[in-house]
Amino acid sequence: MHTIFRKKRGQAYVEFIMVLPILLILVAAVIFFGRILYLKIALDMASYDGVRAAVEALDEQAGISQGVAAAYNTLTGFHINPAGAGIEVVPVGAWTRGTRVYCRISYELNVSDIPFLGSFFSGLSIPMHSTTWSRVETLRSEW
């Protein structure tokens, strides 16, 4: 009877070893897609904050600098290094009431440090971006 338990224990080890790679791949996939989703949410929020700060300014230079600063601060709040992000605030035409203003943010997400994927995809980075637009405030008091 002692040999029957030993055979079952060996079978459990074999089954565990067969299932372990699949489990590790699932964990790596969750980390991978979780990081992509987190960065996409952060970029969307930063571009929104950037354009909102920009369109509330009185002139173009102040609007652009306020927009870039707001996007920079939002990325910092998400614990993302804003130095690696390309942040631009671009008006379409002259800076007057109702002018369309875009805030574009681009970022390269490095995924080579994810366990089990880094060894296969060393140096892999995923380009991500977000663009939000709004109009310069039309209902403000006279400038």
N, C-alpha and C. Protein backbone atom coordinates (compact mmCIF):
# COMPACT_ATOMS: atom_id res chain seq x y z
N MET A 1 0.82 -1.19 0.00
CA MET A 1 0.00 0.00 0.00
C MET A 1 0.87 1.26 0.00
N HIS A 2 2.04 1.18 0.55
CA HIS A 2 2.94 2.33 0.57
C HIS A 2 3.38 2.73 -0.84
N THR A 3 3.53 1.80 -1.74
CA THR A 3 3.94 2.11 -3.11
C THR A 3 2.82 2.79 -3.89
N ILE A 4 1.57 2.57 -3.54
CA ILE A 4 0.46 3.23 -4.23
C ILE A 4 0.50 4.73 -3.96
N PHE A 5 0.74 5.14 -2.71
CA PHE A 5 0.82 6.56 -2.38
C PHE A 5 2.01 7.21 -3.07
N ARG A 6 3.11 6.52 -3.18
CA ARG A 6 4.29 7.07 -3.83
C ARG A 6 4.01 7.32 -5.31
N LYS A 7 3.29 6.42 -5.98
CA LYS A 7 2.94 6.59 -7.39
C LYS A 7 2.02 7.79 -7.57
N LYS A 8 1.05 7.97 -6.69
CA LYS A 8 0.14 9.10 -6.80
C LYS A 8 0.86 10.41 -6.57
N ARG A 9 1.81 10.44 -5.65
CA ARG A 9 2.56 11.65 -5.40
C ARG A 9 3.41 12.00 -6.62
N GLY A 10 4.01 11.04 -7.23
CA GLY A 10 4.78 11.27 -8.45
C GLY A 10 3.90 11.77 -9.58
N GLN A 11 2.71 11.28 -9.67
CA GLN A 11 1.78 11.72 -10.70
C GLN A 11 1.41 13.19 -10.48
N ALA A 12 1.22 13.58 -9.24
CA ALA A 12 0.88 14.97 -8.94
C ALA A 12 2.02 15.91 -9.34
N TYR A 13 3.28 15.50 -9.12
CA TYR A 13 4.42 16.31 -9.53
C TYR A 13 4.46 16.46 -11.05
N VAL A 14 4.22 15.40 -11.76
CA VAL A 14 4.23 15.45 -13.23
C VAL A 14 3.12 16.37 -13.73
N GLU A 15 1.93 16.26 -13.15
CA GLU A 15 0.83 17.13 -13.56
C GLU A 15 1.14 18.59 -13.25
N PHE A 16 1.74 18.83 -12.09
CA PHE A 16 2.12 20.20 -11.72
C PHE A 16 3.14 20.77 -12.71
N ILE A 17 4.12 19.99 -13.07
CA ILE A 17 5.14 20.44 -14.01
C ILE A 17 4.54 20.68 -15.39
N MET A 18 3.53 19.94 -15.75
CA MET A 18 2.88 20.15 -17.04
C MET A 18 2.01 21.41 -17.05
N VAL A 19 1.41 21.74 -15.94
CA VAL A 19 0.51 22.88 -15.86
C VAL A 19 1.26 24.18 -15.55
N LEU A 20 2.40 24.10 -14.90
CA LEU A 20 3.14 25.29 -14.47
C LEU A 20 3.49 26.24 -15.62
N PRO A 21 4.01 25.80 -16.75
CA PRO A 21 4.30 26.76 -17.83
C PRO A 21 3.07 27.52 -18.32
N ILE A 22 1.95 26.84 -18.40
CA ILE A 22 0.72 27.52 -18.83
C ILE A 22 0.32 28.57 -17.80
N LEU A 23 0.43 28.24 -16.54
CA LEU A 23 0.10 29.19 -15.49
C LEU A 23 1.03 30.40 -15.53
N LEU A 24 2.32 30.18 -15.73
CA LEU A 24 3.27 31.29 -15.80
C LEU A 24 3.03 32.16 -17.02
N ILE A 25 2.66 31.58 -18.13
CA ILE A 25 2.33 32.37 -19.31
C ILE A 25 1.10 33.23 -19.06
N LEU A 26 0.11 32.69 -18.38
CA LEU A 26 -1.08 33.46 -18.04
C LEU A 26 -0.75 34.64 -17.13
N VAL A 27 0.12 34.42 -16.14
CA VAL A 27 0.52 35.50 -15.24
C VAL A 27 1.26 36.58 -16.01
N ALA A 28 2.17 36.19 -16.89
CA ALA A 28 2.91 37.17 -17.70
C ALA A 28 1.96 37.94 -18.61
N ALA A 29 0.97 37.27 -19.18
CA ALA A 29 0.01 37.95 -20.05
C ALA A 29 -0.82 38.97 -19.28
N VAL A 30 -1.21 38.63 -18.07
CA VAL A 30 -1.98 39.57 -17.24
C VAL A 30 -1.12 40.80 -16.92
N ILE A 31 0.13 40.61 -16.58
CA ILE A 31 1.02 41.73 -16.30
C ILE A 31 1.21 42.58 -17.56
N PHE A 32 1.43 41.93 -18.69
CA PHE A 32 1.66 42.61 -19.96
C PHE A 32 0.47 43.48 -20.34
N PHE A 33 -0.73 42.91 -20.39
CA PHE A 33 -1.90 43.68 -20.78
C PHE A 33 -2.32 44.67 -19.71
N GLY A 34 -2.04 44.38 -18.47
CA GLY A 34 -2.31 45.34 -17.40
C GLY A 34 -1.47 46.59 -17.52
N ARG A 35 -0.21 46.43 -17.87
CA ARG A 35 0.65 47.61 -18.06
C ARG A 35 0.22 48.43 -19.26
N ILE A 36 -0.18 47.76 -20.33
CA ILE A 36 -0.64 48.48 -21.51
C ILE A 36 -1.91 49.28 -21.18
N LEU A 37 -2.85 48.66 -20.49
CA LEU A 37 -4.09 49.34 -20.13
C LEU A 37 -3.83 50.51 -19.18
N TYR A 38 -2.96 50.32 -18.20
CA TYR A 38 -2.64 51.38 -17.25
C TYR A 38 -2.03 52.57 -17.97
N LEU A 39 -1.08 52.31 -18.89
CA LEU A 39 -0.45 53.41 -19.61
C LEU A 39 -1.44 54.11 -20.53
N LYS A 40 -2.33 53.37 -21.17
CA LYS A 40 -3.33 53.99 -22.04
C LYS A 40 -4.24 54.90 -21.24
N ILE A 41 -4.66 54.48 -20.07
CA ILE A 41 -5.50 55.32 -19.22
C ILE A 41 -4.74 56.57 -18.79
N ALA A 42 -3.47 56.42 -18.44
CA ALA A 42 -2.66 57.56 -18.02
C ALA A 42 -2.46 58.55 -19.17
N LEU A 43 -2.20 58.05 -20.36
CA LEU A 43 -2.01 58.94 -21.52
C LEU A 43 -3.30 59.67 -21.87
N ASP A 44 -4.43 58.97 -21.82
CA ASP A 44 -5.71 59.62 -22.10
C ASP A 44 -6.00 60.72 -21.08
N MET A 45 -5.74 60.44 -19.82
CA MET A 45 -5.99 61.44 -18.78
C MET A 45 -5.05 62.62 -18.91
N ALA A 46 -3.79 62.36 -19.22
CA ALA A 46 -2.81 63.44 -19.37
C ALA A 46 -3.15 64.33 -20.57
N SER A 47 -3.56 63.72 -21.67
CA SER A 47 -3.92 64.55 -22.84
C SER A 47 -5.18 65.37 -22.55
N TYR A 48 -6.12 64.82 -21.83
CA TYR A 48 -7.31 65.57 -21.46
C TYR A 48 -6.95 66.74 -20.55
N ASP A 49 -6.17 66.47 -19.51
CA ASP A 49 -5.76 67.54 -18.60
C ASP A 49 -4.96 68.61 -19.32
N GLY A 50 -4.11 68.19 -20.25
CA GLY A 50 -3.29 69.15 -21.00
C GLY A 50 -4.14 70.08 -21.85
N VAL A 51 -5.10 69.53 -22.56
CA VAL A 51 -5.92 70.38 -23.42
C VAL A 51 -6.86 71.25 -22.60
N ARG A 52 -7.36 70.75 -21.49
CA ARG A 52 -8.24 71.58 -20.64
C ARG A 52 -7.48 72.76 -20.06
N ALA A 53 -6.24 72.53 -19.63
CA ALA A 53 -5.45 73.65 -19.09
C ALA A 53 -5.10 74.64 -20.20
N ALA A 54 -4.87 74.14 -21.40
CA ALA A 54 -4.46 75.02 -22.50
C ALA A 54 -5.60 75.93 -22.94
N VAL A 55 -6.80 75.40 -23.09
CA VAL A 55 -7.89 76.21 -23.65
C VAL A 55 -8.43 77.24 -22.66
N GLU A 56 -8.01 77.18 -21.43
CA GLU A 56 -8.45 78.18 -20.46
C GLU A 56 -7.50 79.36 -20.36
N ALA A 57 -6.43 79.33 -21.15
CA ALA A 57 -5.45 80.41 -21.10
C ALA A 57 -5.89 81.60 -21.93
N LEU A 58 -5.30 82.76 -21.64
CA LEU A 58 -5.66 83.97 -22.34
C LEU A 58 -4.92 84.14 -23.67
N ASP A 59 -3.74 83.58 -23.78
CA ASP A 59 -3.00 83.71 -25.05
C ASP A 59 -2.32 82.39 -25.40
N GLU A 60 -1.77 82.32 -26.60
CA GLU A 60 -1.25 81.06 -27.12
C GLU A 60 -0.05 80.55 -26.33
N GLN A 61 0.90 81.41 -26.05
CA GLN A 61 2.10 80.94 -25.34
C GLN A 61 1.77 80.43 -23.94
N ALA A 62 0.91 81.15 -23.24
CA ALA A 62 0.50 80.69 -21.90
C ALA A 62 -0.29 79.39 -22.00
N GLY A 63 -1.14 79.28 -23.02
CA GLY A 63 -1.93 78.07 -23.20
C GLY A 63 -1.07 76.85 -23.46
N ILE A 64 -0.10 77.01 -24.34
CA ILE A 64 0.78 75.88 -24.65
C ILE A 64 1.59 75.47 -23.43
N SER A 65 2.16 76.43 -22.73
CA SER A 65 2.97 76.07 -21.56
C SER A 65 2.12 75.49 -20.44
N GLN A 66 0.90 76.02 -20.22
CA GLN A 66 0.02 75.46 -19.20
C GLN A 66 -0.41 74.05 -19.57
N GLY A 67 -0.68 73.82 -20.84
CA GLY A 67 -1.10 72.49 -21.29
C GLY A 67 -0.02 71.45 -21.12
N VAL A 68 1.21 71.80 -21.51
CA VAL A 68 2.33 70.87 -21.36
C VAL A 68 2.59 70.59 -19.88
N ALA A 69 2.53 71.64 -19.06
CA ALA A 69 2.76 71.45 -17.62
C ALA A 69 1.68 70.56 -16.99
N ALA A 70 0.43 70.74 -17.39
CA ALA A 70 -0.64 69.92 -16.83
C ALA A 70 -0.48 68.46 -17.24
N ALA A 71 -0.14 68.21 -18.51
CA ALA A 71 0.07 66.83 -18.96
C ALA A 71 1.27 66.21 -18.24
N TYR A 72 2.32 66.97 -18.07
CA TYR A 72 3.52 66.51 -17.37
C TYR A 72 3.16 66.12 -15.94
N ASN A 73 2.41 66.97 -15.26
CA ASN A 73 2.03 66.69 -13.86
C ASN A 73 1.10 65.48 -13.75
N THR A 74 0.22 65.29 -14.72
CA THR A 74 -0.68 64.13 -14.68
C THR A 74 0.11 62.84 -14.85
N LEU A 75 1.07 62.83 -15.79
CA LEU A 75 1.89 61.63 -15.95
C LEU A 75 2.71 61.35 -14.69
N THR A 76 3.20 62.40 -14.06
CA THR A 76 3.93 62.22 -12.80
C THR A 76 3.02 61.63 -11.73
N GLY A 77 1.77 62.06 -11.70
CA GLY A 77 0.81 61.52 -10.74
C GLY A 77 0.52 60.05 -10.97
N PHE A 78 0.65 59.58 -12.20
CA PHE A 78 0.47 58.17 -12.51
C PHE A 78 1.77 57.38 -12.34
N HIS A 79 2.80 58.02 -11.84
CA HIS A 79 4.12 57.40 -11.63
C HIS A 79 4.74 56.94 -12.95
N ILE A 80 4.56 57.74 -13.98
CA ILE A 80 5.16 57.50 -15.28
C ILE A 80 6.17 58.61 -15.52
N ASN A 81 7.35 58.26 -15.96
CA ASN A 81 8.40 59.25 -16.19
C ASN A 81 8.01 60.13 -17.37
N PRO A 82 7.66 61.40 -17.13
CA PRO A 82 7.23 62.25 -18.24
C PRO A 82 8.37 62.67 -19.15
N ALA A 83 9.61 62.46 -18.74
CA ALA A 83 10.74 62.80 -19.61
C ALA A 83 10.76 61.91 -20.85
N GLY A 84 10.20 60.72 -20.76
CA GLY A 84 10.14 59.81 -21.90
C GLY A 84 8.93 60.03 -22.79
N ALA A 85 8.09 60.97 -22.44
CA ALA A 85 6.87 61.21 -23.21
C ALA A 85 7.06 62.41 -24.14
N GLY A 86 6.46 62.31 -25.29
CA GLY A 86 6.42 63.44 -26.20
C GLY A 86 5.09 64.16 -26.01
N ILE A 87 5.15 65.38 -25.45
CA ILE A 87 3.94 66.13 -25.15
C ILE A 87 3.93 67.37 -26.04
N GLU A 88 2.85 67.52 -26.79
CA GLU A 88 2.71 68.73 -27.61
C GLU A 88 1.29 69.25 -27.56
N VAL A 89 1.18 70.57 -27.48
CA VAL A 89 -0.12 71.25 -27.50
C VAL A 89 -0.11 72.11 -28.75
N VAL A 90 -1.07 71.85 -29.65
CA VAL A 90 -1.06 72.48 -30.97
C VAL A 90 -2.41 73.13 -31.24
N PRO A 91 -2.43 74.47 -31.44
CA PRO A 91 -3.68 75.11 -31.88
C PRO A 91 -3.81 75.01 -33.39
N VAL A 92 -5.04 74.94 -33.86
CA VAL A 92 -5.30 74.93 -35.30
C VAL A 92 -5.77 76.34 -35.67
N GLY A 93 -4.85 77.14 -36.12
CA GLY A 93 -5.17 78.53 -36.47
C GLY A 93 -4.75 79.47 -35.35
N ALA A 94 -5.26 80.71 -35.46
CA ALA A 94 -4.94 81.74 -34.48
C ALA A 94 -5.65 81.43 -33.16
N TRP A 95 -5.05 81.85 -32.07
CA TRP A 95 -5.58 81.59 -30.73
C TRP A 95 -6.69 82.59 -30.43
N THR A 96 -7.90 82.26 -30.82
CA THR A 96 -9.07 83.10 -30.54
C THR A 96 -10.16 82.21 -29.97
N ARG A 97 -11.24 82.82 -29.56
CA ARG A 97 -12.34 82.04 -29.01
C ARG A 97 -12.83 81.02 -30.02
N GLY A 98 -13.00 79.79 -29.59
CA GLY A 98 -13.50 78.73 -30.46
C GLY A 98 -12.43 78.01 -31.27
N THR A 99 -11.18 78.43 -31.19
CA THR A 99 -10.11 77.75 -31.93
C THR A 99 -9.92 76.35 -31.38
N ARG A 100 -9.76 75.40 -32.26
CA ARG A 100 -9.53 74.01 -31.86
C ARG A 100 -8.08 73.84 -31.42
N VAL A 101 -7.89 73.17 -30.28
CA VAL A 101 -6.55 72.93 -29.73
C VAL A 101 -6.42 71.44 -29.47
N TYR A 102 -5.30 70.86 -29.90
CA TYR A 102 -5.02 69.44 -29.72
C TYR A 102 -3.90 69.27 -28.70
N CYS A 103 -4.01 68.24 -27.90
CA CYS A 103 -2.92 67.82 -27.02
C CYS A 103 -2.60 66.38 -27.40
N ARG A 104 -1.37 66.17 -27.90
CA ARG A 104 -0.93 64.85 -28.32
C ARG A 104 0.19 64.39 -27.40
N ILE A 105 0.07 63.17 -26.93
CA ILE A 105 1.09 62.58 -26.07
C ILE A 105 1.47 61.23 -26.64
N SER A 106 2.77 60.99 -26.79
CA SER A 106 3.25 59.69 -27.25
C SER A 106 4.24 59.15 -26.23
N TYR A 107 4.30 57.84 -26.15
CA TYR A 107 5.16 57.19 -25.16
C TYR A 107 5.55 55.80 -25.68
N GLU A 108 6.77 55.41 -25.43
CA GLU A 108 7.25 54.06 -25.79
C GLU A 108 7.25 53.21 -24.52
N LEU A 109 6.38 52.21 -24.47
CA LEU A 109 6.28 51.32 -23.32
C LEU A 109 7.26 50.18 -23.49
N ASN A 110 8.24 50.11 -22.60
CA ASN A 110 9.23 49.03 -22.63
C ASN A 110 8.67 47.82 -21.89
N VAL A 111 8.59 46.69 -22.57
CA VAL A 111 8.02 45.49 -21.95
C VAL A 111 9.06 44.39 -21.78
N SER A 112 10.32 44.71 -21.96
CA SER A 112 11.35 43.67 -21.85
C SER A 112 11.62 43.26 -20.41
N ASP A 113 11.09 43.99 -19.43
CA ASP A 113 11.33 43.63 -18.02
C ASP A 113 10.21 42.79 -17.43
N ILE A 114 9.23 42.40 -18.22
CA ILE A 114 8.15 41.54 -17.73
C ILE A 114 8.67 40.12 -17.62
N PRO A 115 8.44 39.45 -16.49
CA PRO A 115 8.94 38.09 -16.33
C PRO A 115 8.41 37.16 -17.43
N PHE A 116 9.27 36.28 -17.88
CA PHE A 116 8.98 35.26 -18.88
C PHE A 116 8.82 35.81 -20.29
N LEU A 117 8.56 37.11 -20.44
CA LEU A 117 8.47 37.69 -21.77
C LEU A 117 9.76 38.42 -22.14
N GLY A 118 10.44 38.96 -21.14
CA GLY A 118 11.65 39.72 -21.38
C GLY A 118 12.74 38.93 -22.07
N SER A 119 12.84 37.66 -21.76
CA SER A 119 13.87 36.85 -22.40
C SER A 119 13.56 36.60 -23.87
N PHE A 120 12.29 36.57 -24.24
CA PHE A 120 11.92 36.35 -25.64
C PHE A 120 11.87 37.64 -26.45
N PHE A 121 11.49 38.74 -25.79
CA PHE A 121 11.31 40.01 -26.48
C PHE A 121 12.21 41.08 -25.89
N SER A 122 13.50 40.82 -25.79
CA SER A 122 14.41 41.81 -25.20
C SER A 122 14.47 43.05 -26.09
N GLY A 123 14.37 44.20 -25.47
CA GLY A 123 14.40 45.46 -26.19
C GLY A 123 13.08 45.82 -26.86
N LEU A 124 12.04 45.06 -26.61
CA LEU A 124 10.75 45.33 -27.25
C LEU A 124 10.08 46.51 -26.56
N SER A 125 9.61 47.45 -27.35
CA SER A 125 8.83 48.55 -26.80
C SER A 125 7.61 48.76 -27.69
N ILE A 126 6.54 49.17 -27.07
CA ILE A 126 5.27 49.34 -27.77
C ILE A 126 4.98 50.84 -27.85
N PRO A 127 4.87 51.38 -29.06
CA PRO A 127 4.54 52.82 -29.17
C PRO A 127 3.06 53.04 -28.85
N MET A 128 2.80 53.99 -27.97
CA MET A 128 1.43 54.31 -27.58
C MET A 128 1.24 55.81 -27.68
N HIS A 129 0.02 56.24 -27.93
CA HIS A 129 -0.26 57.66 -28.03
C HIS A 129 -1.71 57.95 -27.66
N SER A 130 -1.96 59.21 -27.39
CA SER A 130 -3.31 59.67 -27.10
C SER A 130 -3.44 61.11 -27.59
N THR A 131 -4.58 61.43 -28.17
CA THR A 131 -4.85 62.79 -28.65
C THR A 131 -6.23 63.20 -28.17
N THR A 132 -6.29 64.41 -27.62
CA THR A 132 -7.57 64.98 -27.18
C THR A 132 -7.64 66.40 -27.70
N TRP A 133 -8.80 66.83 -28.09
CA TRP A 133 -8.96 68.20 -28.55
C TRP A 133 -10.11 68.87 -27.85
N SER A 134 -10.03 70.20 -27.82
CA SER A 134 -11.09 71.02 -27.27
C SER A 134 -11.00 72.38 -27.95
N ARG A 135 -11.94 73.24 -27.65
CA ARG A 135 -11.93 74.59 -28.22
C ARG A 135 -11.57 75.59 -27.14
N VAL A 136 -10.90 76.67 -27.57
CA VAL A 136 -10.59 77.75 -26.64
C VAL A 136 -11.91 78.27 -26.10
N GLU A 137 -11.94 78.54 -24.81
CA GLU A 137 -13.17 78.94 -24.14
C GLU A 137 -13.92 80.03 -24.89
N THR A 138 -15.19 79.80 -25.12
CA THR A 138 -16.00 80.81 -25.83
C THR A 138 -16.89 81.59 -24.89
N LEU A 139 -17.10 81.15 -23.68
CA LEU A 139 -18.02 81.81 -22.77
C LEU A 139 -17.32 82.52 -21.63
N ARG A 140 -16.08 82.89 -21.82
CA ARG A 140 -15.36 83.62 -20.78
C ARG A 140 -15.68 85.10 -20.88
N SER A 141 -15.39 85.83 -19.82
CA SER A 141 -15.57 87.27 -19.88
C SER A 141 -14.56 87.86 -20.86
N GLU A 142 -14.69 89.11 -21.18
CA GLU A 142 -13.79 89.74 -22.17
C GLU A 142 -12.35 89.64 -21.71
N TRP A 143 -11.47 89.33 -22.69
CA TRP A 143 -10.04 89.17 -22.38
C TRP A 143 -9.40 90.50 -22.41
